[in-house]
Amino acid sequence: MVAVTAPPAGRRLSELVGVGFFLVMLATLPAWLIYETWSLQEAERRAWDISGPPCPVVAHGAAFAADTPYEFSYGGARFARRFGHASCASPLGEGLIPGDPYRVCQFTGPAMVAVATERGVTVFKPGVGHRATVTVRDGKASCVVGGWFGT
């Protein structure tokens, strides 16, 4: 007859600790993934939150009389500029549960930027050689002189 003996107490304890650690890690994985996603969205929002003086607004008729501007559509808005390049992003709105995306476009020395949304056309004149950042939230366009694109 073979005698069955219980494993030593230290071995049993280490097995329980190992199983417990695995279960804790398994339970925290969703929280870690949620935090990782939120922090990436927050970093994008901060990177595209450009501050600076507001761009002057000009009358729509005076926007592009002399030449044909560069035009493109992004996120339901139409953008036009005279010079330079553009880079756009769609960060999500602030909050623990992110809101709807909004549109942000940076321009390298556009001279003028026209933005057409469902609320109408707004023309900004940041000036020749000045960077400009245009934000469109809820169909309303705003502009500041400044940005990091093209540096």
C-alpha atoms as a PDB file:
ATOM      1  CA  MET A   1       0.000   0.000   0.000  1.00  0.00           C
ATOM      2  CA  VAL A   2       1.314   3.456  -0.957  1.00  0.00           C
ATOM      3  CA  ALA A   3       0.955   6.217   1.556  1.00  0.00           C
ATOM      4  CA  VAL A   4      -0.350   9.523   0.204  1.00  0.00           C
ATOM      5  CA  THR A   5       1.152  12.547   1.912  1.00  0.00           C
ATOM      6  CA  ALA A   6       0.185  16.191   1.672  1.00  0.00           C
ATOM      7  CA  PRO A   7       2.662  18.533  -0.053  1.00  0.00           C
ATOM      8  CA  PRO A   8       4.847  20.557   2.269  1.00  0.00           C
ATOM      9  CA  ALA A   9       3.144  23.700   3.622  1.00  0.00           C
ATOM     10  CA  GLY A  10       5.632  26.041   1.913  1.00  0.00           C
ATOM     11  CA  ARG A  11       4.966  24.559  -1.520  1.00  0.00           C
ATOM     12  CA  ARG A  12       1.196  24.799  -1.087  1.00  0.00           C
ATOM     13  CA  LEU A  13       1.455  28.423   0.051  1.00  0.00           C
ATOM     14  CA  SER A  14       3.602  29.365  -2.948  1.00  0.00           C
ATOM     15  CA  GLU A  15       1.071  27.751  -5.312  1.00  0.00           C
ATOM     16  CA  LEU A  16      -1.761  29.735  -3.694  1.00  0.00           C
ATOM     17  CA  VAL A  17       0.242  32.961  -3.921  1.00  0.00           C
ATOM     18  CA  GLY A  18       0.989  32.263  -7.597  1.00  0.00           C
ATOM     19  CA  VAL A  19      -2.660  31.598  -8.415  1.00  0.00           C
ATOM     20  CA  GLY A  20      -3.719  34.701  -6.435  1.00  0.00           C
ATOM     21  CA  PHE A  21      -1.185  36.887  -8.265  1.00  0.00           C
ATOM     22  CA  PHE A  22      -2.404  35.578 -11.627  1.00  0.00           C
ATOM     23  CA  LEU A  23      -6.032  36.337 -10.719  1.00  0.00           C
ATOM     24  CA  VAL A  24      -5.161  39.875  -9.560  1.00  0.00           C
ATOM     25  CA  MET A  25      -3.268  40.560 -12.798  1.00  0.00           C
ATOM     26  CA  LEU A  26      -6.127  39.156 -14.850  1.00  0.00           C
ATOM     27  CA  ALA A  27      -8.608  41.390 -13.017  1.00  0.00           C
ATOM     28  CA  THR A  28      -6.507  44.575 -13.438  1.00  0.00           C
ATOM     29  CA  LEU A  29      -5.777  44.108 -17.150  1.00  0.00           C
ATOM     30  CA  PRO A  30      -8.990  45.839 -18.342  1.00  0.00           C
ATOM     31  CA  ALA A  31      -8.343  48.805 -16.037  1.00  0.00           C
ATOM     32  CA  TRP A  32      -4.789  49.126 -17.366  1.00  0.00           C
ATOM     33  CA  LEU A  33      -6.018  49.026 -20.989  1.00  0.00           C
ATOM     34  CA  ILE A  34      -8.654  51.674 -20.256  1.00  0.00           C
ATOM     35  CA  TYR A  35      -6.052  53.912 -18.598  1.00  0.00           C
ATOM     36  CA  GLU A  36      -3.619  53.430 -21.498  1.00  0.00           C
ATOM     37  CA  THR A  37      -6.269  54.421 -24.046  1.00  0.00           C
ATOM     38  CA  TRP A  38      -7.373  57.431 -21.983  1.00  0.00           C
ATOM     39  CA  SER A  39      -3.793  58.670 -21.495  1.00  0.00           C
ATOM     40  CA  LEU A  40      -3.055  58.449 -25.237  1.00  0.00           C
ATOM     41  CA  GLN A  41      -6.214  60.420 -26.009  1.00  0.00           C
ATOM     42  CA  GLU A  42      -5.305  62.995 -23.346  1.00  0.00           C
ATOM     43  CA  ALA A  43      -1.793  63.369 -24.800  1.00  0.00           C
ATOM     44  CA  GLU A  44      -3.216  63.959 -28.291  1.00  0.00           C
ATOM     45  CA  ARG A  45      -5.670  66.526 -26.920  1.00  0.00           C
ATOM     46  CA  ARG A  46      -2.855  68.398 -25.125  1.00  0.00           C
ATOM     47  CA  ALA A  47      -0.594  68.300 -28.212  1.00  0.00           C
ATOM     48  CA  TRP A  48      -3.283  69.880 -30.399  1.00  0.00           C
ATOM     49  CA  ASP A  49      -4.484  72.420 -27.808  1.00  0.00           C
ATOM     50  CA  ILE A  50      -2.586  75.432 -29.148  1.00  0.00           C
ATOM     51  CA  SER A  51      -2.780  78.759 -27.375  1.00  0.00           C
ATOM     52  CA  GLY A  52      -2.006  82.135 -28.835  1.00  0.00           C
ATOM     53  CA  PRO A  53      -3.596  85.406 -29.821  1.00  0.00           C
ATOM     54  CA  PRO A  54      -6.804  85.099 -31.841  1.00  0.00           C
ATOM     55  CA  CYS A  55      -6.515  85.430 -35.594  1.00  0.00           C
ATOM     56  CA  PRO A  56      -8.134  88.548 -37.060  1.00  0.00           C
ATOM     57  CA  VAL A  57     -11.397  87.811 -38.880  1.00  0.00           C
ATOM     58  CA  VAL A  58     -11.974  89.442 -42.275  1.00  0.00           C
ATOM     59  CA  ALA A  59     -15.045  89.879 -44.461  1.00  0.00           C
ATOM     60  CA  HIS A  60     -15.857  86.812 -46.550  1.00  0.00           C
ATOM     61  CA  GLY A  61     -15.792  88.708 -49.866  1.00  0.00           C
ATOM     62  CA  ALA A  62     -12.174  89.793 -49.401  1.00  0.00           C
ATOM     63  CA  ALA A  63     -10.861  86.309 -48.787  1.00  0.00           C
ATOM     64  CA  PHE A  64      -9.360  85.049 -52.035  1.00  0.00           C
ATOM     65  CA  ALA A  65      -9.926  87.594 -54.751  1.00  0.00           C
ATOM     66  CA  ALA A  66      -6.483  87.488 -56.367  1.00  0.00           C
ATOM     67  CA  ASP A  67      -5.605  83.801 -56.661  1.00  0.00           C
ATOM     68  CA  THR A  68      -6.942  80.297 -56.287  1.00  0.00           C
ATOM     69  CA  PRO A  69      -6.252  78.891 -52.815  1.00  0.00           C
ATOM     70  CA  TYR A  70      -5.364  75.378 -51.785  1.00  0.00           C
ATOM     71  CA  GLU A  71      -8.553  73.673 -50.614  1.00  0.00           C
ATOM     72  CA  PHE A  72      -9.405  70.458 -48.768  1.00  0.00           C
ATOM     73  CA  SER A  73     -12.221  68.930 -46.729  1.00  0.00           C
ATOM     74  CA  TYR A  74     -11.748  67.436 -43.301  1.00  0.00           C
ATOM     75  CA  GLY A  75     -14.321  66.201 -40.826  1.00  0.00           C
ATOM     76  CA  GLY A  76     -17.293  67.905 -42.435  1.00  0.00           C
ATOM     77  CA  ALA A  77     -15.563  71.289 -42.821  1.00  0.00           C
ATOM     78  CA  ARG A  78     -13.952  72.795 -45.906  1.00  0.00           C
ATOM     79  CA  PHE A  79     -10.642  74.628 -45.504  1.00  0.00           C
ATOM     80  CA  ALA A  80      -8.889  76.958 -47.960  1.00  0.00           C
ATOM     81  CA  ARG A  81      -5.542  78.730 -47.647  1.00  0.00           C
ATOM     82  CA  ARG A  82      -3.290  80.788 -49.862  1.00  0.00           C
ATOM     83  CA  PHE A  83       0.128  79.429 -48.876  1.00  0.00           C
ATOM     84  CA  GLY A  84       1.916  76.761 -46.878  1.00  0.00           C
ATOM     85  CA  HIS A  85       1.014  73.312 -45.692  1.00  0.00           C
ATOM     86  CA  ALA A  86      -1.623  71.867 -43.382  1.00  0.00           C
ATOM     87  CA  SER A  87      -1.789  69.078 -40.812  1.00  0.00           C
ATOM     88  CA  CYS A  88      -5.037  68.033 -39.110  1.00  0.00           C
ATOM     89  CA  ALA A  89      -6.190  65.798 -36.268  1.00  0.00           C
ATOM     90  CA  SER A  90      -9.444  64.841 -34.557  1.00  0.00           C
ATOM     91  CA  PRO A  91      -8.881  64.677 -30.797  1.00  0.00           C
ATOM     92  CA  LEU A  92     -11.752  63.432 -28.666  1.00  0.00           C
ATOM     93  CA  GLY A  93     -13.556  65.828 -26.332  1.00  0.00           C
ATOM     94  CA  GLU A  94     -12.444  66.076 -22.715  1.00  0.00           C
ATOM     95  CA  GLY A  95     -13.644  63.938 -19.843  1.00  0.00           C
ATOM     96  CA  LEU A  96     -13.163  60.529 -18.289  1.00  0.00           C
ATOM     97  CA  ILE A  97     -15.556  59.245 -20.946  1.00  0.00           C
ATOM     98  CA  PRO A  98     -14.347  61.091 -24.067  1.00  0.00           C
ATOM     99  CA  GLY A  99     -16.791  63.264 -25.937  1.00  0.00           C
ATOM    100  CA  ASP A 100     -17.272  63.648 -29.652  1.00  0.00           C
ATOM    101  CA  PRO A 101     -14.211  64.384 -31.772  1.00  0.00           C
ATOM    102  CA  TYR A 102     -13.495  67.923 -32.850  1.00  0.00           C
ATOM    103  CA  ARG A 103     -11.263  69.067 -35.709  1.00  0.00           C
ATOM    104  CA  VAL A 104      -7.962  70.918 -35.430  1.00  0.00           C
ATOM    105  CA  CYS A 105      -5.790  71.967 -38.376  1.00  0.00           C
ATOM    106  CA  GLN A 106      -2.419  73.692 -38.193  1.00  0.00           C
ATOM    107  CA  PHE A 107      -1.133  75.767 -41.080  1.00  0.00           C
ATOM    108  CA  THR A 108       2.399  76.932 -41.916  1.00  0.00           C
ATOM    109  CA  GLY A 109       2.177  80.575 -42.979  1.00  0.00           C
ATOM    110  CA  PRO A 110      -1.206  80.503 -44.760  1.00  0.00           C
ATOM    111  CA  ALA A 111      -1.711  84.321 -44.931  1.00  0.00           C
ATOM    112  CA  MET A 112      -5.498  83.663 -44.900  1.00  0.00           C
ATOM    113  CA  VAL A 113      -7.582  80.632 -43.945  1.00  0.00           C
ATOM    114  CA  ALA A 114     -11.232  80.259 -44.924  1.00  0.00           C
ATOM    115  CA  VAL A 115     -13.329  77.661 -43.081  1.00  0.00           C
ATOM    116  CA  ALA A 116     -16.773  76.604 -44.300  1.00  0.00           C
ATOM    117  CA  THR A 117     -19.013  74.684 -41.886  1.00  0.00           C
ATOM    118  CA  GLU A 118     -22.748  74.192 -41.535  1.00  0.00           C
ATOM    119  CA  ARG A 119     -22.773  77.512 -39.626  1.00  0.00           C
ATOM    120  CA  GLY A 120     -21.282  79.433 -42.545  1.00  0.00           C
ATOM    121  CA  VAL A 121     -17.916  80.666 -43.775  1.00  0.00           C
ATOM    122  CA  THR A 122     -15.343  82.326 -41.535  1.00  0.00           C
ATOM    123  CA  VAL A 123     -12.166  83.863 -42.923  1.00  0.00           C
ATOM    124  CA  PHE A 124      -9.142  84.330 -40.674  1.00  0.00           C
ATOM    125  CA  LYS A 125      -6.081  86.422 -41.506  1.00  0.00           C
ATOM    126  CA  PRO A 126      -3.141  85.362 -39.308  1.00  0.00           C
ATOM    127  CA  GLY A 127      -0.755  87.158 -41.653  1.00  0.00           C
ATOM    128  CA  VAL A 128       1.971  86.133 -44.047  1.00  0.00           C
ATOM    129  CA  GLY A 129       4.592  83.873 -42.480  1.00  0.00           C
ATOM    130  CA  HIS A 130       2.637  83.237 -39.265  1.00  0.00           C
ATOM    131  CA  ARG A 131       1.532  79.773 -38.229  1.00  0.00           C
ATOM    132  CA  ALA A 132      -2.170  79.377 -37.523  1.00  0.00           C
ATOM    133  CA  THR A 133      -4.247  76.743 -35.747  1.00  0.00           C
ATOM    134  CA  VAL A 134      -7.934  76.454 -36.609  1.00  0.00           C
ATOM    135  CA  THR A 135     -10.298  74.489 -34.362  1.00  0.00           C
ATOM    136  CA  VAL A 136     -13.820  73.478 -35.382  1.00  0.00           C
ATOM    137  CA  ARG A 137     -16.158  72.471 -32.531  1.00  0.00           C
ATOM    138  CA  ASP A 138     -19.877  71.978 -33.044  1.00  0.00           C
ATOM    139  CA  GLY A 139     -19.653  73.657 -36.459  1.00  0.00           C
ATOM    140  CA  LYS A 140     -18.017  76.838 -35.081  1.00  0.00           C
ATOM    141  CA  ALA A 141     -14.514  77.723 -36.282  1.00  0.00           C
ATOM    142  CA  SER A 142     -11.933  79.537 -34.157  1.00  0.00           C
ATOM    143  CA  CYS A 143      -8.313  80.402 -34.910  1.00  0.00           C
ATOM    144  CA  VAL A 144      -5.173  81.316 -32.970  1.00  0.00           C
ATOM    145  CA  VAL A 145      -1.851  82.548 -34.304  1.00  0.00           C
ATOM    146  CA  GLY A 146       0.681  79.853 -33.453  1.00  0.00           C
ATOM    147  CA  GLY A 147       1.314  76.126 -33.677  1.00  0.00           C
ATOM    148  CA  TRP A 148       4.118  73.604 -33.774  1.00  0.00           C
ATOM    149  CA  PHE A 149       3.525  72.036 -37.206  1.00  0.00           C
ATOM    150  CA  GLY A 150       6.393  72.643 -39.603  1.00  0.00           C
ATOM    151  CA  THR A 151       9.019  73.276 -36.945  1.00  0.00           C
END
